[in-house]
Amino acid sequence: MTAPESTREMGMKGYVMIWGALLLIVALEVFLTYQHLAPGVLLFALLALAVVEAAIGLMYFMHMRYERSLLFWSTIPYLLLCFLLLNHMWRDAARIISLKGQAP
């Protein structure tokens, strides 16, 4: 009889493969840093790779890959919405701070 998917473990070989993949992503980030790309392109690439690294760490090392909880997966869209709203509010906050020293 096989174990349910939620209790299945990867084993040492799986963890070594994930560790190797994370090392490859870090090597790619270092390589991109030395390529003298435009700042916007470099920022986007490094942030995208960081998100991939975080997702791999969350899924495998925190054992969320086998989690099927709707509560957990429903928080991701709300988190992205909060980040989007914060991004817009930070711009307004910076504008207000820069206008504080000026007379009306």
N, C-alpha and C. Protein backbone atom coordinates (compact mmCIF):
# COMPACT_ATOMS: atom_id res chain seq x y z
N MET A 1 0.84 -1.17 0.00
CA MET A 1 0.00 0.00 0.00
C MET A 1 0.89 1.24 0.00
N THR A 2 0.57 2.21 -0.82
CA THR A 2 1.38 3.41 -0.91
C THR A 2 0.90 4.46 0.07
N ALA A 3 1.83 5.30 0.46
CA ALA A 3 1.49 6.39 1.40
C ALA A 3 0.75 7.48 0.66
N PRO A 4 -0.12 8.19 1.35
CA PRO A 4 -0.79 9.33 0.71
C PRO A 4 0.23 10.36 0.25
N GLU A 5 -0.16 11.13 -0.75
CA GLU A 5 0.76 12.11 -1.33
C GLU A 5 1.23 13.14 -0.32
N SER A 6 0.40 13.49 0.65
CA SER A 6 0.77 14.52 1.62
C SER A 6 1.86 14.07 2.59
N THR A 7 2.05 12.75 2.76
CA THR A 7 3.07 12.28 3.69
C THR A 7 4.30 11.75 2.97
N ARG A 8 4.33 11.77 1.67
CA ARG A 8 5.46 11.26 0.90
C ARG A 8 6.65 12.20 1.06
N GLU A 9 7.82 11.63 1.22
CA GLU A 9 9.04 12.43 1.34
C GLU A 9 9.91 12.22 0.13
N MET A 10 10.76 13.20 -0.14
CA MET A 10 11.60 13.20 -1.32
C MET A 10 12.82 12.31 -1.20
N GLY A 11 13.45 12.31 -0.07
CA GLY A 11 14.69 11.59 0.10
C GLY A 11 15.88 12.50 -0.16
N MET A 12 17.06 11.99 0.15
CA MET A 12 18.28 12.79 0.04
C MET A 12 18.57 13.19 -1.41
N LYS A 13 18.35 12.31 -2.36
CA LYS A 13 18.63 12.63 -3.76
C LYS A 13 17.80 13.82 -4.24
N GLY A 14 16.55 13.87 -3.85
CA GLY A 14 15.70 14.99 -4.22
C GLY A 14 16.17 16.31 -3.63
N TYR A 15 16.57 16.27 -2.36
CA TYR A 15 17.07 17.49 -1.71
C TYR A 15 18.36 17.97 -2.34
N VAL A 16 19.24 17.05 -2.73
CA VAL A 16 20.49 17.44 -3.38
C VAL A 16 20.20 18.05 -4.75
N MET A 17 19.22 17.51 -5.47
CA MET A 17 18.86 18.09 -6.77
C MET A 17 18.28 19.50 -6.61
N ILE A 18 17.44 19.71 -5.62
CA ILE A 18 16.89 21.04 -5.36
C ILE A 18 17.99 22.00 -4.96
N TRP A 19 18.91 21.55 -4.11
CA TRP A 19 20.05 22.38 -3.71
C TRP A 19 20.90 22.76 -4.92
N GLY A 20 21.12 21.81 -5.81
CA GLY A 20 21.87 22.09 -7.04
C GLY A 20 21.15 23.10 -7.92
N ALA A 21 19.84 22.98 -8.01
CA ALA A 21 19.07 23.94 -8.81
C ALA A 21 19.16 25.35 -8.21
N LEU A 22 19.11 25.44 -6.88
CA LEU A 22 19.25 26.74 -6.23
C LEU A 22 20.65 27.33 -6.46
N LEU A 23 21.66 26.48 -6.44
CA LEU A 23 23.02 26.96 -6.73
C LEU A 23 23.13 27.45 -8.17
N LEU A 24 22.49 26.78 -9.10
CA LEU A 24 22.51 27.22 -10.50
C LEU A 24 21.82 28.58 -10.66
N ILE A 25 20.73 28.78 -9.94
CA ILE A 25 20.03 30.06 -10.00
C ILE A 25 20.92 31.17 -9.44
N VAL A 26 21.61 30.89 -8.34
CA VAL A 26 22.52 31.88 -7.76
C VAL A 26 23.66 32.19 -8.74
N ALA A 27 24.19 31.16 -9.39
CA ALA A 27 25.25 31.38 -10.38
C ALA A 27 24.74 32.23 -11.54
N LEU A 28 23.51 32.00 -11.96
CA LEU A 28 22.91 32.81 -13.03
C LEU A 28 22.75 34.26 -12.58
N GLU A 29 22.34 34.46 -11.33
CA GLU A 29 22.21 35.83 -10.81
C GLU A 29 23.55 36.55 -10.80
N VAL A 30 24.60 35.86 -10.36
CA VAL A 30 25.94 36.47 -10.35
C VAL A 30 26.39 36.77 -11.77
N PHE A 31 26.15 35.84 -12.69
CA PHE A 31 26.51 36.05 -14.09
C PHE A 31 25.80 37.27 -14.66
N LEU A 32 24.50 37.38 -14.40
CA LEU A 32 23.74 38.53 -14.91
C LEU A 32 24.24 39.85 -14.33
N THR A 33 24.68 39.81 -13.08
CA THR A 33 25.16 41.03 -12.44
C THR A 33 26.39 41.58 -13.16
N TYR A 34 27.26 40.71 -13.65
CA TYR A 34 28.48 41.15 -14.33
C TYR A 34 28.30 41.40 -15.82
N GLN A 35 27.08 41.34 -16.34
CA GLN A 35 26.85 41.53 -17.77
C GLN A 35 26.58 42.98 -18.16
N HIS A 36 26.58 43.90 -17.22
CA HIS A 36 26.37 45.33 -17.49
C HIS A 36 25.07 45.57 -18.25
N LEU A 37 24.00 44.96 -17.78
CA LEU A 37 22.68 45.16 -18.36
C LEU A 37 22.11 46.49 -17.89
N ALA A 38 21.07 46.94 -18.59
CA ALA A 38 20.37 48.15 -18.16
C ALA A 38 19.78 47.89 -16.76
N PRO A 39 19.76 48.92 -15.91
CA PRO A 39 19.29 48.72 -14.54
C PRO A 39 17.89 48.12 -14.44
N GLY A 40 16.98 48.57 -15.28
CA GLY A 40 15.62 48.03 -15.23
C GLY A 40 15.56 46.57 -15.61
N VAL A 41 16.30 46.19 -16.64
CA VAL A 41 16.32 44.79 -17.07
C VAL A 41 16.96 43.92 -16.00
N LEU A 42 18.08 44.39 -15.44
CA LEU A 42 18.77 43.64 -14.40
C LEU A 42 17.88 43.47 -13.17
N LEU A 43 17.21 44.54 -12.77
CA LEU A 43 16.33 44.47 -11.61
C LEU A 43 15.21 43.47 -11.83
N PHE A 44 14.59 43.52 -12.99
CA PHE A 44 13.51 42.59 -13.30
C PHE A 44 14.00 41.16 -13.29
N ALA A 45 15.15 40.91 -13.92
CA ALA A 45 15.69 39.55 -13.98
C ALA A 45 16.04 39.03 -12.59
N LEU A 46 16.69 39.86 -11.79
CA LEU A 46 17.08 39.41 -10.45
C LEU A 46 15.88 39.19 -9.55
N LEU A 47 14.87 40.04 -9.67
CA LEU A 47 13.66 39.85 -8.87
C LEU A 47 12.90 38.60 -9.30
N ALA A 48 12.85 38.35 -10.60
CA ALA A 48 12.17 37.14 -11.09
C ALA A 48 12.89 35.89 -10.60
N LEU A 49 14.22 35.91 -10.65
CA LEU A 49 14.98 34.75 -10.16
C LEU A 49 14.83 34.60 -8.64
N ALA A 50 14.74 35.70 -7.92
CA ALA A 50 14.55 35.64 -6.47
C ALA A 50 13.18 35.04 -6.14
N VAL A 51 12.18 35.37 -6.91
CA VAL A 51 10.85 34.80 -6.69
C VAL A 51 10.88 33.29 -6.94
N VAL A 52 11.58 32.87 -7.99
CA VAL A 52 11.70 31.44 -8.28
C VAL A 52 12.43 30.74 -7.13
N GLU A 53 13.51 31.34 -6.64
CA GLU A 53 14.25 30.75 -5.51
C GLU A 53 13.37 30.65 -4.27
N ALA A 54 12.63 31.69 -3.99
CA ALA A 54 11.75 31.67 -2.82
C ALA A 54 10.66 30.61 -2.97
N ALA A 55 10.12 30.48 -4.17
CA ALA A 55 9.09 29.46 -4.40
C ALA A 55 9.65 28.06 -4.22
N ILE A 56 10.86 27.82 -4.72
CA ILE A 56 11.48 26.51 -4.55
C ILE A 56 11.72 26.23 -3.07
N GLY A 57 12.24 27.22 -2.36
CA GLY A 57 12.47 27.03 -0.92
C GLY A 57 11.19 26.77 -0.17
N LEU A 58 10.16 27.50 -0.50
CA LEU A 58 8.87 27.32 0.16
C LEU A 58 8.27 25.96 -0.16
N MET A 59 8.34 25.57 -1.41
CA MET A 59 7.69 24.33 -1.82
C MET A 59 8.39 23.09 -1.29
N TYR A 60 9.71 23.09 -1.34
CA TYR A 60 10.43 21.86 -1.00
C TYR A 60 10.99 21.85 0.42
N PHE A 61 11.65 22.92 0.84
CA PHE A 61 12.28 22.89 2.15
C PHE A 61 11.29 23.18 3.28
N MET A 62 10.19 23.85 2.97
CA MET A 62 9.16 24.06 3.99
C MET A 62 8.00 23.08 3.80
N HIS A 63 8.17 22.13 2.88
CA HIS A 63 7.24 21.03 2.65
C HIS A 63 5.84 21.50 2.26
N MET A 64 5.74 22.57 1.50
CA MET A 64 4.43 23.04 1.06
C MET A 64 4.03 22.44 -0.29
N ARG A 65 4.92 21.70 -0.92
CA ARG A 65 4.62 21.11 -2.22
C ARG A 65 3.42 20.17 -2.14
N TYR A 66 3.29 19.48 -1.05
CA TYR A 66 2.22 18.51 -0.91
C TYR A 66 1.03 19.05 -0.13
N GLU A 67 1.06 20.33 0.18
CA GLU A 67 -0.04 20.96 0.91
C GLU A 67 -1.18 21.24 -0.07
N ARG A 68 -2.35 20.84 0.28
CA ARG A 68 -3.52 21.05 -0.58
C ARG A 68 -4.55 21.97 0.06
N SER A 69 -4.13 22.72 1.04
CA SER A 69 -5.05 23.57 1.77
C SER A 69 -5.48 24.76 0.92
N LEU A 70 -6.76 24.94 0.77
CA LEU A 70 -7.30 26.07 0.03
C LEU A 70 -6.98 27.38 0.73
N LEU A 71 -6.93 27.36 2.05
CA LEU A 71 -6.61 28.57 2.80
C LEU A 71 -5.22 29.06 2.46
N PHE A 72 -4.24 28.15 2.37
CA PHE A 72 -2.87 28.54 2.04
C PHE A 72 -2.80 29.13 0.63
N TRP A 73 -3.35 28.44 -0.34
CA TRP A 73 -3.23 28.88 -1.73
C TRP A 73 -4.11 30.10 -2.04
N SER A 74 -5.12 30.35 -1.26
CA SER A 74 -5.96 31.52 -1.51
C SER A 74 -5.30 32.80 -1.00
N THR A 75 -4.29 32.68 -0.16
CA THR A 75 -3.62 33.88 0.35
C THR A 75 -2.68 34.50 -0.68
N ILE A 76 -2.22 33.75 -1.65
CA ILE A 76 -1.26 34.27 -2.62
C ILE A 76 -1.85 35.42 -3.45
N PRO A 77 -3.06 35.31 -4.02
CA PRO A 77 -3.59 36.47 -4.76
C PRO A 77 -3.78 37.70 -3.87
N TYR A 78 -4.18 37.50 -2.63
CA TYR A 78 -4.35 38.64 -1.72
C TYR A 78 -3.00 39.29 -1.39
N LEU A 79 -1.97 38.48 -1.24
CA LEU A 79 -0.64 39.01 -1.00
C LEU A 79 -0.16 39.84 -2.19
N LEU A 80 -0.38 39.36 -3.40
CA LEU A 80 0.00 40.12 -4.58
C LEU A 80 -0.79 41.42 -4.69
N LEU A 81 -2.07 41.39 -4.34
CA LEU A 81 -2.88 42.61 -4.35
C LEU A 81 -2.34 43.61 -3.34
N CYS A 82 -1.96 43.14 -2.15
CA CYS A 82 -1.38 44.05 -1.13
C CYS A 82 -0.09 44.67 -1.63
N PHE A 83 0.77 43.89 -2.27
CA PHE A 83 2.01 44.43 -2.81
C PHE A 83 1.74 45.48 -3.89
N LEU A 84 0.76 45.22 -4.73
CA LEU A 84 0.41 46.17 -5.78
C LEU A 84 -0.11 47.47 -5.17
N LEU A 85 -0.99 47.38 -4.18
CA LEU A 85 -1.51 48.58 -3.54
C LEU A 85 -0.42 49.33 -2.79
N LEU A 86 0.46 48.61 -2.12
CA LEU A 86 1.58 49.27 -1.42
C LEU A 86 2.48 50.00 -2.40
N ASN A 87 2.69 49.41 -3.56
CA ASN A 87 3.53 50.05 -4.56
C ASN A 87 2.95 51.41 -4.97
N HIS A 88 1.65 51.48 -5.12
CA HIS A 88 1.03 52.75 -5.48
C HIS A 88 1.05 53.73 -4.31
N MET A 89 0.87 53.25 -3.10
CA MET A 89 0.88 54.15 -1.94
C MET A 89 2.26 54.69 -1.64
N TRP A 90 3.30 53.91 -1.88
CA TRP A 90 4.66 54.40 -1.64
C TRP A 90 4.98 55.60 -2.51
N ARG A 91 4.49 55.58 -3.73
CA ARG A 91 4.72 56.72 -4.63
C ARG A 91 4.05 57.98 -4.09
N ASP A 92 2.82 57.83 -3.60
CA ASP A 92 2.13 58.98 -3.03
C ASP A 92 2.81 59.47 -1.76
N ALA A 93 3.26 58.55 -0.93
CA ALA A 93 3.94 58.93 0.31
C ALA A 93 5.23 59.68 0.01
N ALA A 94 5.97 59.24 -0.98
CA ALA A 94 7.22 59.93 -1.34
C ALA A 94 6.92 61.32 -1.88
N ARG A 95 5.83 61.46 -2.64
CA ARG A 95 5.46 62.77 -3.17
C ARG A 95 5.05 63.71 -2.05
N ILE A 96 4.32 63.20 -1.08
CA ILE A 96 3.88 64.03 0.04
C ILE A 96 5.07 64.48 0.87
N ILE A 97 6.01 63.58 1.10
CA ILE A 97 7.20 63.94 1.89
C ILE A 97 8.01 65.01 1.16
N SER A 98 8.11 64.91 -0.17
CA SER A 98 8.90 65.91 -0.89
C SER A 98 8.20 67.26 -0.92
N LEU A 99 6.86 67.29 -0.79
CA LEU A 99 6.12 68.54 -0.81
C LEU A 99 6.01 69.18 0.57
N LYS A 100 6.37 68.47 1.61
CA LYS A 100 6.21 68.97 2.97
C LYS A 100 7.01 70.24 3.23
N GLY A 101 8.17 70.33 2.66
CA GLY A 101 9.02 71.52 2.93
C GLY A 101 8.61 72.73 2.12
N GLN A 102 7.72 72.58 1.14
CA GLN A 102 7.33 73.72 0.30
C GLN A 102 6.14 74.46 0.91
N ALA A 103 6.09 75.75 0.66
CA ALA A 103 4.97 76.56 1.16
C ALA A 103 3.76 76.36 0.25
N PRO A 104 2.54 76.44 0.80
CA PRO A 104 1.33 76.26 -0.02
C PRO A 104 1.08 77.38 -0.99
